N, C-alpha and C. Protein backbone atom coordinates (compact mmCIF):
# COMPACT_ATOMS: atom_id res chain seq x y z
N MET A 1 23.11 117.52 -151.62
CA MET A 1 22.82 118.93 -151.59
C MET A 1 22.81 119.51 -153.00
N TRP A 2 23.49 118.89 -153.92
CA TRP A 2 23.59 119.44 -155.26
C TRP A 2 22.24 119.44 -155.97
N HIS A 3 21.49 118.34 -155.88
CA HIS A 3 20.26 118.22 -156.64
C HIS A 3 19.05 118.80 -155.93
N ARG A 4 18.98 118.72 -154.63
CA ARG A 4 17.82 119.25 -153.92
C ARG A 4 18.25 120.15 -152.76
N GLY A 5 19.35 120.82 -152.94
CA GLY A 5 19.93 121.63 -151.87
C GLY A 5 19.04 122.73 -151.35
N ASP A 6 18.12 123.21 -152.19
CA ASP A 6 17.22 124.25 -151.73
C ASP A 6 16.07 123.68 -150.93
N ARG A 7 15.99 122.35 -150.82
CA ARG A 7 14.98 121.68 -150.00
C ARG A 7 15.73 120.86 -148.95
N ALA A 8 16.11 121.47 -147.88
CA ALA A 8 16.96 120.86 -146.86
C ALA A 8 16.28 119.66 -146.22
N LYS A 9 16.99 118.57 -146.17
CA LYS A 9 16.51 117.34 -145.55
C LYS A 9 17.47 116.94 -144.43
N ALA A 10 16.91 116.37 -143.38
CA ALA A 10 17.72 115.92 -142.25
C ALA A 10 18.77 114.91 -142.69
N ARG A 11 18.40 114.03 -143.61
CA ARG A 11 19.34 113.01 -144.08
C ARG A 11 20.52 113.65 -144.80
N ASP A 12 20.28 114.72 -145.54
CA ASP A 12 21.37 115.42 -146.22
C ASP A 12 22.33 116.02 -145.20
N LEU A 13 21.77 116.58 -144.13
CA LEU A 13 22.61 117.12 -143.06
C LEU A 13 23.45 116.02 -142.44
N PHE A 14 22.82 114.89 -142.12
CA PHE A 14 23.54 113.77 -141.53
C PHE A 14 24.67 113.31 -142.45
N ASP A 15 24.35 113.14 -143.74
CA ASP A 15 25.35 112.67 -144.69
C ASP A 15 26.51 113.65 -144.83
N LEU A 16 26.21 114.94 -144.88
CA LEU A 16 27.26 115.95 -144.97
C LEU A 16 28.23 115.82 -143.80
N CYS A 17 27.69 115.68 -142.60
CA CYS A 17 28.54 115.59 -141.41
C CYS A 17 29.30 114.28 -141.36
N ALA A 18 28.68 113.20 -141.78
CA ALA A 18 29.37 111.90 -141.81
C ALA A 18 30.55 111.95 -142.77
N VAL A 19 30.35 112.54 -143.94
CA VAL A 19 31.44 112.67 -144.91
C VAL A 19 32.53 113.59 -144.36
N ALA A 20 32.12 114.69 -143.74
CA ALA A 20 33.10 115.63 -143.17
C ALA A 20 33.96 114.95 -142.12
N ASP A 21 33.35 114.08 -141.31
CA ASP A 21 34.10 113.39 -140.27
C ASP A 21 35.01 112.30 -140.83
N ARG A 22 34.54 111.58 -141.83
CA ARG A 22 35.27 110.41 -142.32
C ARG A 22 36.15 110.69 -143.53
N GLU A 23 35.75 111.66 -144.35
CA GLU A 23 36.50 111.96 -145.58
C GLU A 23 36.58 113.47 -145.81
N PRO A 24 37.31 114.18 -144.95
CA PRO A 24 37.36 115.65 -145.08
C PRO A 24 37.84 116.13 -146.45
N ALA A 25 38.67 115.34 -147.12
CA ALA A 25 39.14 115.75 -148.45
C ALA A 25 37.99 115.82 -149.44
N ALA A 26 36.99 114.97 -149.26
CA ALA A 26 35.82 114.99 -150.15
C ALA A 26 35.02 116.28 -149.96
N ILE A 27 34.99 116.78 -148.73
CA ILE A 27 34.29 118.05 -148.47
C ILE A 27 35.02 119.18 -149.18
N ALA A 28 36.32 119.20 -149.08
CA ALA A 28 37.10 120.24 -149.75
C ALA A 28 36.90 120.18 -151.26
N GLU A 29 36.83 118.98 -151.79
CA GLU A 29 36.62 118.81 -153.23
C GLU A 29 35.23 119.29 -153.65
N ALA A 30 34.24 119.07 -152.81
CA ALA A 30 32.86 119.44 -153.14
C ALA A 30 32.54 120.89 -152.77
N ALA A 31 33.42 121.56 -152.08
CA ALA A 31 33.15 122.91 -151.57
C ALA A 31 32.57 123.87 -152.61
N PRO A 32 33.09 123.91 -153.82
CA PRO A 32 32.50 124.85 -154.79
C PRO A 32 31.02 124.59 -155.08
N ARG A 33 30.60 123.35 -154.96
CA ARG A 33 29.19 123.02 -155.20
C ARG A 33 28.27 123.54 -154.10
N PHE A 34 28.82 123.75 -152.92
CA PHE A 34 28.00 124.25 -151.81
C PHE A 34 27.55 125.69 -152.04
N LEU A 35 28.21 126.39 -152.93
CA LEU A 35 27.83 127.77 -153.19
C LEU A 35 26.46 127.87 -153.85
N LYS A 36 26.09 126.86 -154.64
CA LYS A 36 24.82 126.92 -155.36
C LYS A 36 23.63 126.93 -154.40
N HIS A 37 23.62 126.03 -153.42
CA HIS A 37 22.47 125.90 -152.53
C HIS A 37 22.83 126.02 -151.06
N GLY A 38 24.06 126.35 -150.73
CA GLY A 38 24.47 126.35 -149.33
C GLY A 38 23.64 127.25 -148.44
N ALA A 39 23.37 128.46 -148.89
CA ALA A 39 22.58 129.40 -148.07
C ALA A 39 21.16 128.87 -147.88
N ALA A 40 20.56 128.36 -148.95
CA ALA A 40 19.19 127.82 -148.85
C ALA A 40 19.17 126.57 -147.98
N PHE A 41 20.19 125.76 -148.06
CA PHE A 41 20.29 124.55 -147.25
C PHE A 41 20.30 124.90 -145.76
N LEU A 42 21.17 125.81 -145.38
CA LEU A 42 21.26 126.22 -143.97
C LEU A 42 19.97 126.92 -143.51
N ALA A 43 19.46 127.81 -144.35
CA ALA A 43 18.24 128.53 -143.97
C ALA A 43 17.06 127.57 -143.85
N GLY A 44 16.97 126.60 -144.75
CA GLY A 44 15.88 125.63 -144.70
C GLY A 44 15.93 124.79 -143.45
N LEU A 45 17.11 124.35 -143.08
CA LEU A 45 17.24 123.57 -141.84
C LEU A 45 16.91 124.42 -140.63
N GLN A 46 17.31 125.66 -140.65
CA GLN A 46 17.02 126.56 -139.54
C GLN A 46 15.52 126.82 -139.46
N HIS A 47 14.91 127.07 -140.60
CA HIS A 47 13.49 127.40 -140.64
C HIS A 47 12.61 126.23 -140.19
N ARG A 48 12.98 125.03 -140.57
CA ARG A 48 12.17 123.87 -140.21
C ARG A 48 12.92 122.96 -139.24
N ALA A 49 13.66 123.57 -138.34
CA ALA A 49 14.52 122.82 -137.43
C ALA A 49 13.77 121.82 -136.56
N GLU A 50 12.60 122.19 -136.10
CA GLU A 50 11.85 121.28 -135.22
C GLU A 50 11.51 119.98 -135.96
N ILE A 51 11.02 120.10 -137.17
CA ILE A 51 10.69 118.93 -137.98
C ILE A 51 11.96 118.19 -138.38
N ALA A 52 12.97 118.94 -138.82
CA ALA A 52 14.23 118.32 -139.23
C ALA A 52 14.88 117.57 -138.07
N ARG A 53 14.79 118.12 -136.87
CA ARG A 53 15.36 117.45 -135.69
C ARG A 53 14.67 116.10 -135.47
N ARG A 54 13.36 116.07 -135.58
CA ARG A 54 12.63 114.80 -135.42
C ARG A 54 13.04 113.80 -136.50
N GLU A 55 13.12 114.26 -137.75
CA GLU A 55 13.55 113.39 -138.84
C GLU A 55 14.98 112.90 -138.61
N PHE A 56 15.83 113.80 -138.14
CA PHE A 56 17.22 113.47 -137.88
C PHE A 56 17.32 112.39 -136.80
N ASP A 57 16.53 112.53 -135.74
CA ASP A 57 16.56 111.58 -134.64
C ASP A 57 16.06 110.20 -135.06
N GLU A 58 15.31 110.12 -136.15
CA GLU A 58 14.79 108.84 -136.62
C GLU A 58 15.74 108.12 -137.57
N ILE A 59 16.85 108.75 -137.94
CA ILE A 59 17.81 108.11 -138.84
C ILE A 59 18.44 106.93 -138.12
N ASP A 60 18.44 105.79 -138.80
CA ASP A 60 19.03 104.58 -138.25
C ASP A 60 20.55 104.68 -138.41
N VAL A 61 21.25 104.78 -137.30
CA VAL A 61 22.69 105.06 -137.30
C VAL A 61 23.47 103.83 -136.87
N LEU A 62 24.50 103.53 -137.65
CA LEU A 62 25.46 102.51 -137.24
C LEU A 62 26.64 103.25 -136.62
N GLY A 63 27.07 102.84 -135.47
CA GLY A 63 28.18 103.52 -134.81
C GLY A 63 27.70 104.65 -133.92
N ALA A 64 28.58 105.59 -133.71
CA ALA A 64 28.30 106.69 -132.78
C ALA A 64 27.22 107.61 -133.34
N ALA A 65 26.25 107.90 -132.50
CA ALA A 65 25.18 108.83 -132.88
C ALA A 65 25.69 110.26 -132.74
N ARG A 66 25.14 111.12 -133.52
CA ARG A 66 25.48 112.54 -133.43
C ARG A 66 24.17 113.31 -133.28
N SER A 67 24.23 114.46 -132.68
CA SER A 67 23.02 115.24 -132.46
C SER A 67 22.74 116.16 -133.65
N PHE A 68 21.48 116.51 -133.80
CA PHE A 68 21.07 117.45 -134.84
C PHE A 68 21.82 118.77 -134.67
N GLU A 69 21.88 119.27 -133.44
CA GLU A 69 22.53 120.56 -133.19
C GLU A 69 24.02 120.51 -133.56
N ARG A 70 24.69 119.43 -133.20
CA ARG A 70 26.11 119.30 -133.53
C ARG A 70 26.30 119.31 -135.05
N CYS A 71 25.46 118.56 -135.75
CA CYS A 71 25.58 118.51 -137.20
C CYS A 71 25.22 119.83 -137.86
N LEU A 72 24.22 120.51 -137.35
CA LEU A 72 23.87 121.81 -137.91
C LEU A 72 25.01 122.80 -137.70
N ASP A 73 25.61 122.79 -136.52
CA ASP A 73 26.78 123.64 -136.27
C ASP A 73 27.93 123.28 -137.21
N GLN A 74 28.14 121.97 -137.40
CA GLN A 74 29.21 121.52 -138.28
C GLN A 74 28.94 121.95 -139.73
N ALA A 75 27.70 121.82 -140.17
CA ALA A 75 27.34 122.25 -141.52
C ALA A 75 27.58 123.75 -141.69
N ARG A 76 27.19 124.53 -140.69
CA ARG A 76 27.45 125.98 -140.74
C ARG A 76 28.95 126.25 -140.86
N SER A 77 29.75 125.50 -140.08
CA SER A 77 31.20 125.74 -140.09
C SER A 77 31.84 125.35 -141.42
N ILE A 78 31.19 124.48 -142.17
CA ILE A 78 31.68 124.09 -143.49
C ILE A 78 31.20 125.07 -144.55
N ILE A 79 29.93 125.38 -144.55
CA ILE A 79 29.30 126.13 -145.64
C ILE A 79 29.44 127.63 -145.49
N GLN A 80 29.23 128.16 -144.29
CA GLN A 80 29.20 129.62 -144.13
C GLN A 80 30.51 130.30 -144.53
N PRO A 81 31.68 129.77 -144.18
CA PRO A 81 32.91 130.43 -144.63
C PRO A 81 33.02 130.51 -146.16
N LEU A 82 32.52 129.48 -146.84
CA LEU A 82 32.53 129.50 -148.31
C LEU A 82 31.62 130.61 -148.83
N LEU A 83 30.46 130.73 -148.23
CA LEU A 83 29.53 131.79 -148.63
C LEU A 83 30.11 133.17 -148.32
N ASP A 84 30.75 133.28 -147.18
CA ASP A 84 31.36 134.57 -146.80
C ASP A 84 32.44 134.97 -147.80
N ARG A 85 33.28 134.01 -148.17
CA ARG A 85 34.35 134.31 -149.13
C ARG A 85 33.79 134.69 -150.50
N ALA A 86 32.63 134.13 -150.84
CA ALA A 86 32.00 134.43 -152.13
C ALA A 86 31.15 135.69 -152.06
N GLY A 87 31.06 136.30 -150.87
CA GLY A 87 30.30 137.52 -150.70
C GLY A 87 28.80 137.29 -150.58
N ARG A 88 28.41 136.09 -150.20
CA ARG A 88 26.99 135.79 -150.02
C ARG A 88 26.57 136.20 -148.62
N ALA A 89 25.29 136.42 -148.43
CA ALA A 89 24.76 136.84 -147.13
C ALA A 89 24.97 135.75 -146.09
N ALA A 90 25.29 136.18 -144.90
CA ALA A 90 25.50 135.26 -143.79
C ALA A 90 24.17 134.71 -143.30
N ILE A 91 24.19 133.49 -142.82
CA ILE A 91 23.03 132.85 -142.21
C ILE A 91 23.35 132.75 -140.72
N ALA A 92 22.74 133.59 -139.95
CA ALA A 92 22.99 133.57 -138.51
C ALA A 92 21.85 132.87 -137.80
N PRO A 93 22.16 132.02 -136.82
CA PRO A 93 21.09 131.39 -136.05
C PRO A 93 20.43 132.43 -135.16
N SER A 94 19.28 132.92 -135.57
CA SER A 94 18.65 134.01 -134.84
C SER A 94 17.92 133.58 -133.59
N HIS A 95 17.40 132.37 -133.58
CA HIS A 95 16.64 131.91 -132.42
C HIS A 95 17.12 130.56 -131.93
N GLY A 96 18.33 130.17 -132.25
CA GLY A 96 18.80 128.84 -131.89
C GLY A 96 18.24 127.83 -132.86
N ALA A 97 18.81 126.69 -132.89
CA ALA A 97 18.42 125.66 -133.86
C ALA A 97 17.05 125.08 -133.52
N GLY A 98 16.03 125.74 -134.03
CA GLY A 98 14.70 125.20 -133.90
C GLY A 98 13.99 125.45 -132.60
N ARG A 99 14.57 126.24 -131.75
CA ARG A 99 13.87 126.55 -130.51
C ARG A 99 12.66 127.41 -130.86
N PRO A 100 11.55 127.18 -130.22
CA PRO A 100 10.36 127.96 -130.55
C PRO A 100 10.59 129.44 -130.30
N ARG A 101 10.08 130.23 -131.22
CA ARG A 101 10.16 131.68 -131.05
C ARG A 101 9.07 132.13 -130.11
N SER A 102 9.35 133.16 -129.38
CA SER A 102 8.30 133.76 -128.54
C SER A 102 7.87 135.03 -129.25
N GLU A 103 6.74 134.93 -129.96
CA GLU A 103 6.24 136.07 -130.74
C GLU A 103 4.93 136.51 -130.19
């Protein structure tokens, strides 16, 4: 997320959640870095959720599989509180994670 955080990728989401599950101390250590691109990361995944979900589902996983929605929720629970504490704008899921809008 540090180098291309403003261009959200499904693999970055997967990796963030895998690290959060296996090495929570690493997430706490990296937390200040999430402020640089955290809002763009979440917004990008939300904006292109349909494509990101397909990319996410194609990730070759060893061990227990996780869903795109679970990981997106987990990423929000990690990043959004940091943004809130820093006074950054909240990213609210307005239409659900990638569900088609009825416009």
